[in-house]
N, C-alpha and C. Protein backbone atom coordinates (compact mmCIF):
# COMPACT_ATOMS: atom_id res chain seq x y z
N UNK A 1 -45.91 -15.38 4.59
CA UNK A 1 -47.11 -14.66 4.14
C UNK A 1 -46.92 -13.26 4.44
N UNK A 2 -46.33 -12.87 5.70
CA UNK A 2 -46.26 -11.50 6.13
C UNK A 2 -45.17 -10.83 5.27
N UNK A 3 -44.09 -11.51 4.96
CA UNK A 3 -43.00 -11.01 4.20
C UNK A 3 -43.46 -10.67 2.76
N UNK A 4 -44.36 -11.56 2.32
CA UNK A 4 -44.87 -11.31 0.88
C UNK A 4 -45.66 -9.98 0.91
N UNK A 5 -46.52 -9.79 1.97
CA UNK A 5 -47.27 -8.52 2.06
C UNK A 5 -46.41 -7.34 2.11
N UNK A 6 -45.39 -7.49 3.02
CA UNK A 6 -44.32 -6.40 3.16
C UNK A 6 -43.67 -6.10 1.76
N UNK A 7 -43.24 -7.17 1.10
CA UNK A 7 -42.60 -6.90 -0.14
C UNK A 7 -43.58 -6.30 -1.06
N UNK A 8 -44.76 -6.54 -1.24
CA UNK A 8 -45.68 -6.05 -2.14
C UNK A 8 -45.95 -4.50 -1.79
N UNK A 9 -46.12 -4.10 -0.50
CA UNK A 9 -46.32 -2.83 -0.06
C UNK A 9 -45.02 -2.03 -0.40
N UNK A 10 -43.83 -2.67 -0.21
CA UNK A 10 -42.70 -1.92 -0.51
C UNK A 10 -42.56 -1.54 -2.11
N UNK A 11 -42.83 -2.61 -2.86
CA UNK A 11 -42.83 -2.36 -4.32
C UNK A 11 -43.81 -1.25 -4.80
N UNK A 12 -44.99 -1.38 -4.18
CA UNK A 12 -46.10 -0.32 -4.49
C UNK A 12 -45.63 0.99 -4.07
N UNK A 13 -45.04 1.18 -2.93
CA UNK A 13 -44.64 2.43 -2.58
C UNK A 13 -43.49 2.99 -3.30
N UNK A 14 -42.56 2.07 -3.66
CA UNK A 14 -41.47 2.53 -4.49
C UNK A 14 -41.76 3.02 -5.87
N UNK A 15 -42.84 2.27 -6.50
CA UNK A 15 -43.41 2.66 -7.65
C UNK A 15 -44.11 3.94 -7.71
N UNK A 16 -44.81 4.14 -6.55
CA UNK A 16 -45.60 5.35 -6.25
C UNK A 16 -44.47 6.48 -6.12
N UNK A 17 -43.43 6.30 -5.40
CA UNK A 17 -42.38 7.22 -5.10
C UNK A 17 -41.68 7.57 -6.41
N UNK A 18 -41.54 6.65 -7.29
CA UNK A 18 -40.93 6.99 -8.59
C UNK A 18 -41.75 7.83 -9.46
N UNK A 19 -43.11 7.54 -9.54
CA UNK A 19 -44.02 8.50 -10.19
C UNK A 19 -44.07 9.76 -9.55
N UNK A 20 -44.16 9.78 -8.18
CA UNK A 20 -44.11 11.02 -7.46
C UNK A 20 -42.94 12.01 -7.75
N UNK A 21 -41.73 11.42 -7.83
CA UNK A 21 -40.54 12.09 -8.16
C UNK A 21 -40.56 12.68 -9.52
N UNK A 22 -41.06 11.84 -10.58
CA UNK A 22 -41.20 12.30 -11.87
C UNK A 22 -42.17 13.51 -12.04
N UNK A 23 -43.30 13.32 -11.28
CA UNK A 23 -44.24 14.35 -11.39
C UNK A 23 -43.75 15.73 -10.72
N UNK A 24 -43.01 15.52 -9.58
CA UNK A 24 -42.42 16.66 -8.84
C UNK A 24 -41.48 17.40 -9.83
N UNK A 25 -40.56 16.49 -10.61
CA UNK A 25 -39.53 17.18 -11.37
C UNK A 25 -40.19 17.96 -12.54
N UNK A 26 -41.39 17.34 -13.12
CA UNK A 26 -42.07 17.94 -14.11
C UNK A 26 -42.70 19.16 -13.64
N UNK A 27 -43.25 19.31 -12.44
CA UNK A 27 -43.90 20.52 -12.00
C UNK A 27 -42.65 21.53 -11.66
N UNK A 28 -41.59 20.99 -11.28
CA UNK A 28 -40.45 22.16 -10.97
C UNK A 28 -40.04 22.64 -12.36
N UNK A 29 -39.96 21.76 -13.34
CA UNK A 29 -39.58 22.18 -14.56
C UNK A 29 -40.56 23.16 -15.24
N UNK A 30 -41.88 22.92 -15.07
CA UNK A 30 -42.79 23.85 -15.62
C UNK A 30 -42.81 25.25 -14.83
N UNK A 31 -42.56 25.18 -13.59
CA UNK A 31 -42.40 26.40 -12.79
C UNK A 31 -41.18 27.15 -13.19
N UNK A 32 -40.08 26.37 -13.45
CA UNK A 32 -38.87 27.21 -14.00
C UNK A 32 -39.07 27.82 -15.34
N UNK A 33 -39.81 27.05 -16.21
CA UNK A 33 -39.98 27.65 -17.53
C UNK A 33 -40.94 28.90 -17.36
N UNK A 34 -41.95 28.75 -16.46
CA UNK A 34 -42.86 29.75 -16.33
C UNK A 34 -42.01 31.08 -15.78
N UNK A 35 -41.12 30.78 -14.91
CA UNK A 35 -40.35 31.90 -14.37
C UNK A 35 -39.43 32.50 -15.50
N UNK A 36 -38.95 31.62 -16.33
CA UNK A 36 -38.09 32.13 -17.31
C UNK A 36 -38.93 32.94 -18.37
N UNK A 37 -40.11 32.52 -18.57
CA UNK A 37 -41.02 33.18 -19.47
C UNK A 37 -41.25 34.70 -19.08
N UNK A 38 -41.18 34.94 -17.68
CA UNK A 38 -41.39 36.29 -17.11
C UNK A 38 -40.08 37.07 -17.38
N UNK A 39 -38.96 36.47 -17.68
CA UNK A 39 -37.82 37.10 -18.01
C UNK A 39 -37.30 36.67 -19.34
N UNK A 40 -37.98 37.16 -20.43
CA UNK A 40 -37.70 36.67 -21.79
C UNK A 40 -36.10 37.05 -22.24
N UNK A 41 -35.60 37.98 -21.77
CA UNK A 41 -34.15 38.28 -21.99
C UNK A 41 -33.30 37.28 -21.58
N UNK A 42 -33.51 36.84 -20.27
CA UNK A 42 -32.70 35.66 -19.57
C UNK A 42 -32.90 34.48 -20.44
N UNK A 43 -34.17 34.09 -20.86
CA UNK A 43 -34.45 32.92 -21.50
C UNK A 43 -33.66 32.85 -22.88
N UNK A 44 -33.65 33.97 -23.58
CA UNK A 44 -32.97 34.07 -24.76
C UNK A 44 -31.53 34.13 -24.69
N UNK A 45 -31.03 34.61 -23.62
CA UNK A 45 -29.64 34.57 -23.41
C UNK A 45 -29.10 33.09 -23.14
N UNK A 46 -29.91 32.32 -22.27
CA UNK A 46 -29.62 30.92 -21.87
C UNK A 46 -29.67 30.07 -23.16
N UNK A 47 -30.72 30.35 -24.03
CA UNK A 47 -30.86 29.69 -25.29
C UNK A 47 -29.65 29.86 -26.19
N UNK A 48 -29.30 30.99 -26.33
CA UNK A 48 -28.14 31.40 -27.27
C UNK A 48 -26.88 30.75 -26.64
N UNK A 49 -26.69 30.87 -25.39
CA UNK A 49 -25.37 30.29 -25.00
C UNK A 49 -25.32 28.78 -25.14
N UNK A 50 -26.40 28.13 -24.81
CA UNK A 50 -26.45 26.66 -25.09
C UNK A 50 -26.19 26.36 -26.52
N UNK A 51 -26.87 27.08 -27.42
CA UNK A 51 -26.70 26.81 -28.85
C UNK A 51 -25.22 27.05 -29.29
N UNK A 52 -24.63 28.11 -28.86
CA UNK A 52 -23.33 28.46 -29.25
C UNK A 52 -22.29 27.49 -28.63
N UNK A 53 -22.47 27.06 -27.44
CA UNK A 53 -21.61 25.94 -26.77
C UNK A 53 -21.73 24.71 -27.58
N UNK A 54 -22.91 24.37 -27.89
CA UNK A 54 -23.18 23.04 -28.58
C UNK A 54 -22.56 23.12 -30.04
N UNK A 55 -22.65 24.29 -30.78
CA UNK A 55 -22.12 24.41 -32.12
C UNK A 55 -20.65 24.32 -31.99
N UNK A 56 -20.05 25.12 -31.08
CA UNK A 56 -18.56 25.13 -31.01
C UNK A 56 -17.98 23.78 -30.63
N UNK A 57 -18.57 23.15 -29.50
CA UNK A 57 -18.04 21.93 -29.11
C UNK A 57 -18.26 20.82 -30.01
N UNK A 58 -19.52 20.46 -30.43
CA UNK A 58 -19.89 19.39 -31.22
C UNK A 58 -19.35 19.68 -32.70
N UNK A 59 -19.57 20.83 -33.22
CA UNK A 59 -19.08 21.24 -34.58
C UNK A 59 -17.61 21.16 -34.70
N UNK A 60 -16.78 21.58 -33.67
CA UNK A 60 -15.35 21.51 -33.66
C UNK A 60 -14.82 20.06 -33.76
N UNK A 61 -15.49 19.22 -33.00
CA UNK A 61 -15.09 17.87 -32.85
C UNK A 61 -15.38 17.13 -34.25
N UNK A 62 -16.49 17.47 -34.88
CA UNK A 62 -16.89 16.81 -36.06
C UNK A 62 -16.11 17.32 -37.29
N UNK A 63 -15.74 18.48 -37.23
CA UNK A 63 -15.10 19.11 -38.49
C UNK A 63 -13.56 18.88 -38.52
N UNK A 64 -13.05 18.41 -37.45
CA UNK A 64 -11.47 18.10 -37.35
C UNK A 64 -11.18 16.70 -37.09
N UNK A 65 -11.01 15.92 -38.11
CA UNK A 65 -10.72 14.49 -37.96
C UNK A 65 -9.30 14.25 -37.39
N UNK A 66 -8.42 15.24 -37.26
CA UNK A 66 -7.03 15.08 -36.65
C UNK A 66 -7.11 15.49 -35.25
N UNK A 67 -8.21 15.82 -34.59
CA UNK A 67 -8.29 16.05 -33.27
C UNK A 67 -8.11 14.82 -32.35
N UNK A 68 -7.51 14.91 -31.23
CA UNK A 68 -7.21 13.74 -30.35
C UNK A 68 -8.40 12.99 -30.14
N UNK A 69 -9.51 13.58 -30.00
CA UNK A 69 -10.89 12.84 -29.50
C UNK A 69 -11.32 11.93 -30.65
N UNK A 70 -10.96 12.10 -31.92
CA UNK A 70 -11.49 11.29 -33.03
C UNK A 70 -10.19 10.55 -33.64
N UNK A 71 -9.07 10.63 -32.98
CA UNK A 71 -7.92 9.95 -33.55
C UNK A 71 -8.04 8.41 -33.64
N UNK A 72 -8.62 7.98 -32.57
CA UNK A 72 -8.79 6.38 -32.43
C UNK A 72 -10.09 5.85 -32.88
N UNK A 73 -10.91 6.75 -33.51
CA UNK A 73 -12.23 6.32 -33.97
C UNK A 73 -12.09 5.41 -35.24
């Protein structure tokens, strides 16, 4: 009986911790976005960098069927 109560308490606390971690990460992300919004040049630079890297990496792989990464596909 005691074991069941402990198990239930542990499950409840772990679920609570999971939601707490999710909430904390969302708050940190919102704070980070707010900080980026105060530096628009930095935000634009990061966005452009991510876009360029994605286009070059993904586009290069898709446009060259002879590349080693797609040879065995």
